[in-house]
């Protein structure tokens, strides 16, 4: 459980006048988290950081409760549900952010126990693209709000469930200030070998997610091994597909220019981004793609697939190059084009960093989060304005 914050001090709203004081009771927000890593885990951390930031402008208290990662046993799920419901009954929050549809049954139980608590669901991608169980769909339908990380996911949710797209609000994610600051730092050379130029992919290497396209990058690198003998390829990530990908690299005769780095810490990851020349991930199914905004924050040009929500993040010809998913020839051409044109790499990377700052920085995303949260909290205001005499 997230540490419970200290009581908030009185804060004046931005539109308050000098001769008035607004007293507003503290609003309580409970976040029911999925826990774990990956893009969803990073977005959950972002939500907690935004709530921490909003305490400076709202009378707000918050708590987060997450299931321990890899606790798949039914008994563990039941224990977590009991823990959440017990805290919910004692604390009686004004708003519950349900950070994954997996907690749909919990949301229905909370609705029965405290009907006035406003509920909002966060939806991402695969969690809702292919339909929902009856209980999870019912939980979404009864929610006061649904926040989606992309328009693409909104459309797929509407198609799969019949929930009106108009009910769903866009909350595109971003990076925490610490993540963005680390990615903006210049390389210290720790992951840079003299004379080499680097491609980089960051992805979960799971056998069930082969659509990430790492195998297609390996094939493109093989096509270019004579044309670009100094280009090497790093892959950050781990999972059950690692052995297959290592085998592909060996079979293609490029294992001497491919590095599988496995799991790295945040500081190492920031340095690896800074050390690369081009970021590439031609994934065919992304609900958003947090790694793309990481690359953009680092000022790196991006090569990606024209699929899923990726075109909402990477602007073709402006912040990167988009190719058809699975088109190895087009992917190789895009890689060759960027390595042949340092000016183009620089222009795309600079534009990507600017787009990150304008659309996906912590302040921008928190402003949108504040707006959406305010739509849930505003009807609950019990404030009293007293004019000074």
Protein backbone atom coordinates (compact mmCIF):
# COMPACT_ATOMS: atom_id res chain seq x y z
CA UNK A 1 0.00 0.00 0.00
CA UNK A 2 1.20 3.50 -0.74
CA UNK A 3 2.10 5.49 2.40
CA UNK A 4 -0.86 7.54 3.53
CA UNK A 5 -0.05 11.23 2.94
CA UNK A 6 -0.12 13.78 5.70
CA UNK A 7 -3.27 15.93 5.97
CA UNK A 8 -3.41 18.56 3.22
CA UNK A 9 -3.15 22.23 3.98
CA UNK A 10 -5.80 24.70 2.84
CA UNK A 11 -5.28 25.54 -0.84
CA UNK A 12 -6.91 28.38 -2.76
CA UNK A 13 -8.31 27.52 -6.20
CA UNK A 14 -6.70 29.28 -9.12
CA UNK A 15 -9.74 31.49 -9.74
CA UNK A 16 -10.18 32.68 -6.15
CA UNK A 17 -10.10 36.42 -5.61
CA UNK A 18 -7.90 38.26 -3.14
CA UNK A 19 -10.84 39.15 -0.88
CA UNK A 20 -12.28 35.67 -0.52
CA UNK A 21 -11.26 32.47 1.17
CA UNK A 22 -12.55 29.07 0.06
CA UNK A 23 -12.73 26.25 2.55
CA UNK A 24 -13.15 22.87 0.93
CA UNK A 25 -13.13 19.50 2.63
CA UNK A 26 -10.37 17.16 1.58
CA UNK A 27 -11.38 14.74 -1.19
CA UNK A 28 -10.22 11.15 -0.92
CA UNK A 29 -9.07 9.10 -3.91
CA UNK A 30 -8.39 5.38 -3.74
CA UNK A 31 -6.40 3.75 -6.56
CA UNK A 32 -6.86 0.00 -6.99
CA UNK A 33 -3.76 -1.06 -8.90
CA UNK A 34 -2.89 -4.14 -10.89
CA UNK A 35 0.74 -4.05 -9.75
CA UNK A 36 3.65 -5.47 -11.72
CA UNK A 37 5.78 -3.93 -14.44
CA UNK A 38 5.46 -3.16 -18.13
CA UNK A 39 3.60 -0.23 -19.60
CA UNK A 40 0.58 -0.65 -17.33
CA UNK A 41 2.78 -0.68 -14.25
CA UNK A 42 4.50 2.52 -15.36
CA UNK A 43 1.16 4.22 -15.97
CA UNK A 44 0.00 3.22 -12.49
CA UNK A 45 3.14 4.80 -11.02
CA UNK A 46 2.45 7.90 -13.11
CA UNK A 47 -1.10 8.12 -11.70
CA UNK A 48 0.26 7.99 -8.14
CA UNK A 49 2.82 10.69 -8.95
CA UNK A 50 0.11 12.90 -10.46
CA UNK A 51 -2.05 12.54 -7.38
CA UNK A 52 0.96 13.52 -5.29
CA UNK A 53 1.42 16.58 -7.49
CA UNK A 54 -2.25 17.55 -7.35
CA UNK A 55 -2.12 17.84 -3.57
CA UNK A 56 -0.43 21.21 -4.19
CA UNK A 57 -3.53 22.57 -5.92
CA UNK A 58 -6.43 20.55 -4.49
CA UNK A 59 -7.59 19.51 -1.07
CA UNK A 60 -6.73 15.88 -1.75
CA UNK A 61 -5.80 12.72 0.08
CA UNK A 62 -5.04 9.50 -1.75
CA UNK A 63 -4.03 5.89 -1.26
CA UNK A 64 -2.94 3.17 -3.65
CA UNK A 65 -3.40 -0.56 -3.15
CA UNK A 66 -1.70 -3.07 -5.44
CA UNK A 67 -1.61 -6.82 -5.61
CA UNK A 68 1.91 -8.23 -5.25
CA UNK A 69 3.26 -9.08 -8.75
CA UNK A 70 3.09 -12.75 -9.76
CA UNK A 71 0.53 -13.57 -7.09
CA UNK A 72 -1.66 -15.64 -9.40
CA UNK A 73 -3.17 -18.00 -6.86
CA UNK A 74 -6.90 -17.66 -6.30
CA UNK A 75 -6.36 -17.38 -2.55
CA UNK A 76 -4.06 -14.40 -3.10
CA UNK A 77 -6.66 -12.67 -5.25
CA UNK A 78 -9.33 -13.21 -2.63
CA UNK A 79 -7.05 -11.91 0.13
CA UNK A 80 -6.32 -8.80 -1.91
CA UNK A 81 -10.03 -8.23 -2.57
CA UNK A 82 -10.84 -8.53 1.13
CA UNK A 83 -8.04 -6.10 1.99
CA UNK A 84 -9.26 -3.53 -0.55
CA UNK A 85 -12.90 -3.77 0.52
CA UNK A 86 -12.00 -3.46 4.19
CA UNK A 87 -10.01 -0.30 3.53
CA UNK A 88 -12.75 1.02 1.25
CA UNK A 89 -15.38 0.65 3.99
CA UNK A 90 -13.22 2.32 6.63
CA UNK A 91 -11.88 5.17 4.50
CA UNK A 92 -15.00 5.74 2.32
CA UNK A 93 -13.24 7.50 -0.60
CA UNK A 94 -14.98 10.03 -2.84
CA UNK A 95 -13.39 8.62 -5.99
CA UNK A 96 -12.05 5.16 -6.81
CA UNK A 97 -9.66 4.83 -9.75
CA UNK A 98 -9.82 1.21 -10.88
CA UNK A 99 -6.56 0.86 -12.75
CA UNK A 100 -7.42 -2.39 -14.55
CA UNK A 101 -10.57 -4.18 -15.68
CA UNK A 102 -9.30 -7.26 -13.82
CA UNK A 103 -10.73 -5.56 -10.74
CA UNK A 104 -14.23 -5.33 -12.20
CA UNK A 105 -15.83 -7.55 -9.58
CA UNK A 106 -14.21 -5.44 -6.85
CA UNK A 107 -15.72 -2.34 -8.46
CA UNK A 108 -19.20 -3.89 -8.42
CA UNK A 109 -18.79 -4.82 -4.77
CA UNK A 110 -17.69 -1.28 -3.90
CA UNK A 111 -20.69 0.13 -5.74
CA UNK A 112 -22.99 -1.96 -3.58
CA UNK A 113 -21.20 -1.04 -0.35
CA UNK A 114 -20.92 2.72 -0.99
CA UNK A 115 -23.01 3.79 -4.03
CA UNK A 116 -22.02 7.46 -3.80
CA UNK A 117 -18.31 6.83 -4.39
CA UNK A 118 -17.49 7.84 -7.96
CA UNK A 119 -15.73 5.16 -10.02
CA UNK A 120 -13.43 5.51 -13.01
CA UNK A 121 -11.75 2.73 -14.98
CA UNK A 122 -8.43 3.02 -16.82
CA UNK A 123 -8.25 0.98 -20.04
CA UNK A 124 -5.12 0.34 -22.07
CA UNK A 125 -5.23 -2.12 -24.95
CA UNK A 126 -5.32 -5.89 -24.92
CA UNK A 127 -7.26 -5.78 -21.66
CA UNK A 128 -10.37 -4.58 -23.56
CA UNK A 129 -9.73 -5.02 -27.30
CA UNK A 130 -11.13 -8.53 -27.59
CA UNK A 131 -14.25 -8.28 -25.47
CA UNK A 132 -14.92 -8.68 -21.77
CA UNK A 133 -16.51 -11.16 -19.45
CA UNK A 134 -20.05 -10.38 -18.39
CA UNK A 135 -18.97 -9.13 -14.96
CA UNK A 136 -16.17 -6.91 -16.27
CA UNK A 137 -18.44 -5.43 -18.89
CA UNK A 138 -21.10 -4.74 -16.26
CA UNK A 139 -18.45 -3.04 -14.10
CA UNK A 140 -17.44 -0.75 -16.97
CA UNK A 141 -21.03 0.04 -17.84
CA UNK A 142 -21.85 1.13 -14.28
CA UNK A 143 -18.70 3.23 -13.87
CA UNK A 144 -19.04 7.01 -13.68
CA UNK A 145 -16.17 7.44 -16.15
CA UNK A 146 -13.79 5.49 -18.37
CA UNK A 147 -10.36 6.86 -19.24
CA UNK A 148 -8.51 5.42 -22.23
CA UNK A 149 -4.82 5.91 -23.04
CA UNK A 150 -5.51 6.22 -26.80
CA UNK A 151 -8.24 6.86 -29.33
CA UNK A 152 -7.41 3.50 -30.88
CA UNK A 153 -8.18 1.68 -27.63
CA UNK A 154 -11.39 3.70 -27.29
CA UNK A 155 -12.53 2.56 -30.73
CA UNK A 156 -11.62 -1.07 -30.09
CA UNK A 157 -13.43 -0.99 -26.73
CA UNK A 158 -16.56 0.37 -28.38
CA UNK A 159 -16.42 -2.27 -31.13
CA UNK A 160 -15.83 -5.14 -28.69
CA UNK A 161 -18.38 -4.20 -26.02
CA UNK A 162 -20.89 -1.79 -27.50
CA UNK A 163 -19.99 0.82 -24.88
CA UNK A 164 -20.43 4.22 -26.53
CA UNK A 165 -17.12 5.80 -27.50
CA UNK A 166 -18.54 9.16 -26.34
CA UNK A 167 -18.46 7.87 -22.77
CA UNK A 168 -14.71 7.34 -22.90
CA UNK A 169 -12.29 10.20 -22.19
CA UNK A 170 -8.73 10.33 -23.49
CA UNK A 171 -5.91 10.34 -20.95
CA UNK A 172 -2.71 9.86 -22.93
CA UNK A 173 0.09 8.92 -20.53
CA UNK A 174 3.47 10.57 -20.11
CA UNK A 175 6.61 10.21 -18.05
CA UNK A 176 7.33 11.20 -14.49
CA UNK A 177 9.60 14.20 -14.07
CA UNK A 178 12.40 11.93 -12.84
CA UNK A 179 12.16 9.70 -15.92
CA UNK A 180 12.12 12.65 -18.31
CA UNK A 181 15.06 14.34 -16.58
CA UNK A 182 17.14 11.16 -16.75
CA UNK A 183 16.38 10.65 -20.44
CA UNK A 184 17.31 14.26 -21.28
CA UNK A 185 20.85 13.87 -19.95
CA UNK A 186 23.65 13.45 -22.53
CA UNK A 187 25.38 10.09 -22.80
CA UNK A 188 28.33 9.40 -20.52
CA UNK A 189 29.70 6.88 -23.02
CA UNK A 190 29.20 3.81 -20.82
CA UNK A 191 27.21 2.01 -23.53
CA UNK A 192 28.96 3.53 -26.53
CA UNK A 193 31.71 1.71 -28.43
CA UNK A 194 33.94 3.78 -30.68
CA UNK A 195 33.11 3.35 -34.35
CA UNK A 196 29.76 1.63 -33.80
CA UNK A 197 26.29 3.02 -34.44
CA UNK A 198 23.37 1.59 -32.55
CA UNK A 199 19.80 0.58 -33.08
CA UNK A 200 17.77 0.07 -29.91
CA UNK A 201 14.57 -1.75 -29.00
CA UNK A 202 12.98 -1.88 -25.54
CA UNK A 203 10.21 -4.43 -25.13
CA UNK A 204 8.84 -7.31 -23.14
CA UNK A 205 10.13 -10.47 -24.87
CA UNK A 206 7.14 -12.66 -24.19
CA UNK A 207 6.26 -15.59 -26.44
CA UNK A 208 2.66 -14.43 -26.38
CA UNK A 209 3.64 -10.98 -27.68
CA UNK A 210 5.69 -11.77 -30.76
CA UNK A 211 3.88 -8.92 -32.51
CA UNK A 212 6.42 -6.57 -30.90
CA UNK A 213 8.40 -7.11 -34.09
CA UNK A 214 11.88 -7.79 -32.71
CA UNK A 215 12.24 -10.69 -35.17
CA UNK A 216 11.49 -8.31 -38.04
CA UNK A 217 14.23 -5.94 -36.89
CA UNK A 218 16.68 -8.85 -36.78
CA UNK A 219 15.78 -9.71 -40.37
CA UNK A 220 16.19 -6.08 -41.43
CA UNK A 221 19.62 -5.91 -39.76
CA UNK A 222 20.60 -9.05 -41.66
CA UNK A 223 19.56 -7.42 -44.94
CA UNK A 224 21.78 -4.44 -44.13
CA UNK A 225 24.87 -6.17 -42.74
CA UNK A 226 26.95 -5.40 -45.83
CA UNK A 227 25.51 -1.96 -46.49
CA UNK A 228 25.87 -0.87 -42.85
CA UNK A 229 28.70 -2.97 -41.36
CA UNK A 230 29.11 -0.63 -38.36
CA UNK A 231 25.46 -0.76 -37.24
CA UNK A 232 24.75 -2.90 -34.20
CA UNK A 233 21.49 -3.72 -32.44
CA UNK A 234 20.66 -3.73 -28.73
CA UNK A 235 17.51 -5.21 -27.22
CA UNK A 236 16.49 -4.39 -23.65
CA UNK A 237 13.93 -6.74 -22.13
CA UNK A 238 13.38 -10.32 -21.09
CA UNK A 239 10.77 -13.03 -21.35
CA UNK A 240 9.86 -16.42 -22.70
CA UNK A 241 10.61 -15.48 -26.34
CA UNK A 242 14.28 -14.75 -25.70
CA UNK A 243 15.64 -18.11 -26.84
CA UNK A 244 13.69 -17.96 -30.12
CA UNK A 245 15.03 -14.47 -30.86
CA UNK A 246 18.60 -15.47 -30.00
CA UNK A 247 18.20 -18.42 -32.36
CA UNK A 248 16.99 -16.15 -35.17
CA UNK A 249 20.06 -13.92 -34.71
CA UNK A 250 22.36 -16.96 -34.88
CA UNK A 251 20.62 -18.40 -37.93
CA UNK A 252 20.90 -15.05 -39.72
CA UNK A 253 24.60 -14.82 -38.90
CA UNK A 254 24.27 -11.52 -37.04
CA UNK A 255 24.65 -12.68 -33.43
CA UNK A 256 28.02 -10.88 -33.33
CA UNK A 257 26.28 -7.54 -33.84
CA UNK A 258 23.22 -8.11 -31.63
CA UNK A 259 23.21 -7.64 -27.85
CA UNK A 260 20.40 -8.90 -25.62
CA UNK A 261 20.81 -6.84 -22.46
CA UNK A 262 18.00 -8.35 -20.41
CA UNK A 263 16.66 -6.34 -17.47
CA UNK A 264 18.39 -3.05 -16.66
CA UNK A 265 17.74 -0.45 -13.99
CA UNK A 266 16.29 2.98 -14.73
CA UNK A 267 19.64 4.79 -14.79
CA UNK A 268 21.13 2.21 -17.15
CA UNK A 269 18.06 2.39 -19.38
CA UNK A 270 18.34 6.17 -19.66
CA UNK A 271 22.01 5.85 -20.60
CA UNK A 272 21.22 3.15 -23.20
CA UNK A 273 18.61 5.44 -24.79
CA UNK A 274 21.15 8.28 -24.85
CA UNK A 275 23.76 6.02 -26.46
CA UNK A 276 21.61 4.82 -29.36
CA UNK A 277 21.32 6.49 -32.75
CA UNK A 278 17.86 5.22 -33.71
CA UNK A 279 15.05 3.67 -31.68
CA UNK A 280 13.10 0.95 -33.50
CA UNK A 281 10.07 -1.11 -32.50
CA UNK A 282 7.82 -2.16 -35.41
CA UNK A 283 5.06 -3.53 -33.19
CA UNK A 284 1.76 -4.54 -34.71
CA UNK A 285 -0.38 -4.12 -31.57
CA UNK A 286 0.16 -1.21 -29.20
CA UNK A 287 -2.46 0.52 -27.09
CA UNK A 288 -0.06 3.43 -26.80
CA UNK A 289 3.64 2.57 -26.57
CA UNK A 290 5.42 4.11 -23.59
CA UNK A 291 8.82 3.29 -25.10
CA UNK A 292 8.16 5.68 -27.98
CA UNK A 293 7.77 8.68 -25.70
CA UNK A 294 10.87 7.54 -23.79
CA UNK A 295 12.82 7.63 -27.04
CA UNK A 296 11.30 11.00 -27.93
CA UNK A 297 12.20 12.41 -24.51
CA UNK A 298 15.77 11.28 -25.20
CA UNK A 299 15.71 13.12 -28.52
CA UNK A 300 15.99 9.98 -30.66
CA UNK A 301 14.35 9.37 -34.05
CA UNK A 302 11.85 6.51 -34.02
CA UNK A 303 11.08 3.77 -36.53
CA UNK A 304 7.77 2.03 -35.84
CA UNK A 305 4.88 0.25 -37.52
CA UNK A 306 1.83 2.03 -38.83
CA UNK A 307 -0.42 0.00 -36.53
CA UNK A 308 -2.53 0.27 -33.40
CA UNK A 309 -2.21 3.55 -31.53
CA UNK A 310 1.36 4.19 -32.68
CA UNK A 311 0.42 6.92 -35.23
CA UNK A 312 -1.14 8.86 -32.33
CA UNK A 313 2.30 8.99 -30.72
CA UNK A 314 4.85 8.93 -33.54
CA UNK A 315 4.17 11.39 -36.37
CA UNK A 316 5.38 9.91 -39.66
CA UNK A 317 8.00 12.11 -41.29
CA UNK A 318 8.05 14.51 -38.34
CA UNK A 319 9.24 12.59 -35.28
CA UNK A 320 10.00 9.27 -36.95
CA UNK A 321 9.31 6.92 -39.83
CA UNK A 322 6.35 4.52 -39.94
CA UNK A 323 6.31 1.34 -42.02
CA UNK A 324 3.82 -1.44 -42.61
CA UNK A 325 3.84 -4.11 -39.91
CA UNK A 326 5.78 -7.16 -41.04
CA UNK A 327 7.29 -5.42 -44.09
CA UNK A 328 10.94 -6.33 -43.58
CA UNK A 329 12.08 -4.62 -46.79
CA UNK A 330 10.42 -1.31 -45.85
CA UNK A 331 11.85 -1.59 -42.35
CA UNK A 332 15.36 -2.13 -43.73
CA UNK A 333 14.91 0.84 -46.06
CA UNK A 334 13.85 3.08 -43.17
CA UNK A 335 16.87 2.03 -41.10
CA UNK A 336 19.22 2.60 -44.03
CA UNK A 337 17.66 5.99 -44.75
CA UNK A 338 18.20 7.27 -41.22
CA UNK A 339 21.77 6.00 -40.92
CA UNK A 340 22.60 7.58 -44.28
CA UNK A 341 21.27 10.99 -43.24
CA UNK A 342 22.57 12.43 -39.92
CA UNK A 343 20.67 15.66 -40.53
CA UNK A 344 17.38 13.78 -40.84
CA UNK A 345 18.10 11.83 -37.65
CA UNK A 346 18.80 15.07 -35.82
CA UNK A 347 15.68 16.78 -37.16
CA UNK A 348 13.37 13.89 -36.28
CA UNK A 349 14.94 13.50 -32.85
CA UNK A 350 14.61 17.21 -32.04
CA UNK A 351 11.00 17.26 -33.23
CA UNK A 352 10.28 14.18 -31.13
CA UNK A 353 11.67 15.83 -28.01
CA UNK A 354 9.55 18.91 -28.70
CA UNK A 355 6.44 16.80 -29.22
CA UNK A 356 7.15 15.01 -25.96
CA UNK A 357 7.35 18.31 -24.11
CA UNK A 358 4.14 19.61 -25.68
CA UNK A 359 2.02 16.46 -25.40
CA UNK A 360 3.48 13.92 -22.99
CA UNK A 361 5.45 15.79 -20.33
CA UNK A 362 4.45 15.34 -16.71
CA UNK A 363 2.94 18.82 -16.45
CA UNK A 364 0.85 18.37 -19.62
CA UNK A 365 -0.47 14.97 -18.62
CA UNK A 366 -1.15 16.07 -15.04
CA UNK A 367 -3.17 19.04 -16.31
CA UNK A 368 -5.39 16.64 -18.27
CA UNK A 369 -5.62 14.28 -15.28
CA UNK A 370 -6.63 17.22 -13.08
CA UNK A 371 -9.33 18.18 -15.58
CA UNK A 372 -10.78 14.66 -15.73
CA UNK A 373 -10.59 14.15 -11.99
CA UNK A 374 -12.29 17.51 -11.51
CA UNK A 375 -15.22 16.31 -13.60
CA UNK A 376 -15.76 13.59 -11.01
CA UNK A 377 -15.06 15.68 -7.93
CA UNK A 378 -16.78 18.98 -8.86
CA UNK A 379 -20.34 17.76 -8.17
CA UNK A 380 -19.16 16.81 -4.69
CA UNK A 381 -17.83 20.23 -3.71
CA UNK A 382 -19.05 21.39 -0.33
CA UNK A 383 -17.11 24.65 -0.24
CA UNK A 384 -18.04 27.85 1.50
CA UNK A 385 -16.73 31.23 0.33
CA UNK A 386 -16.51 33.98 2.93
CA UNK A 387 -15.90 37.54 1.84
CA UNK A 388 -13.50 39.47 4.02
CA UNK A 389 -15.04 42.54 5.60
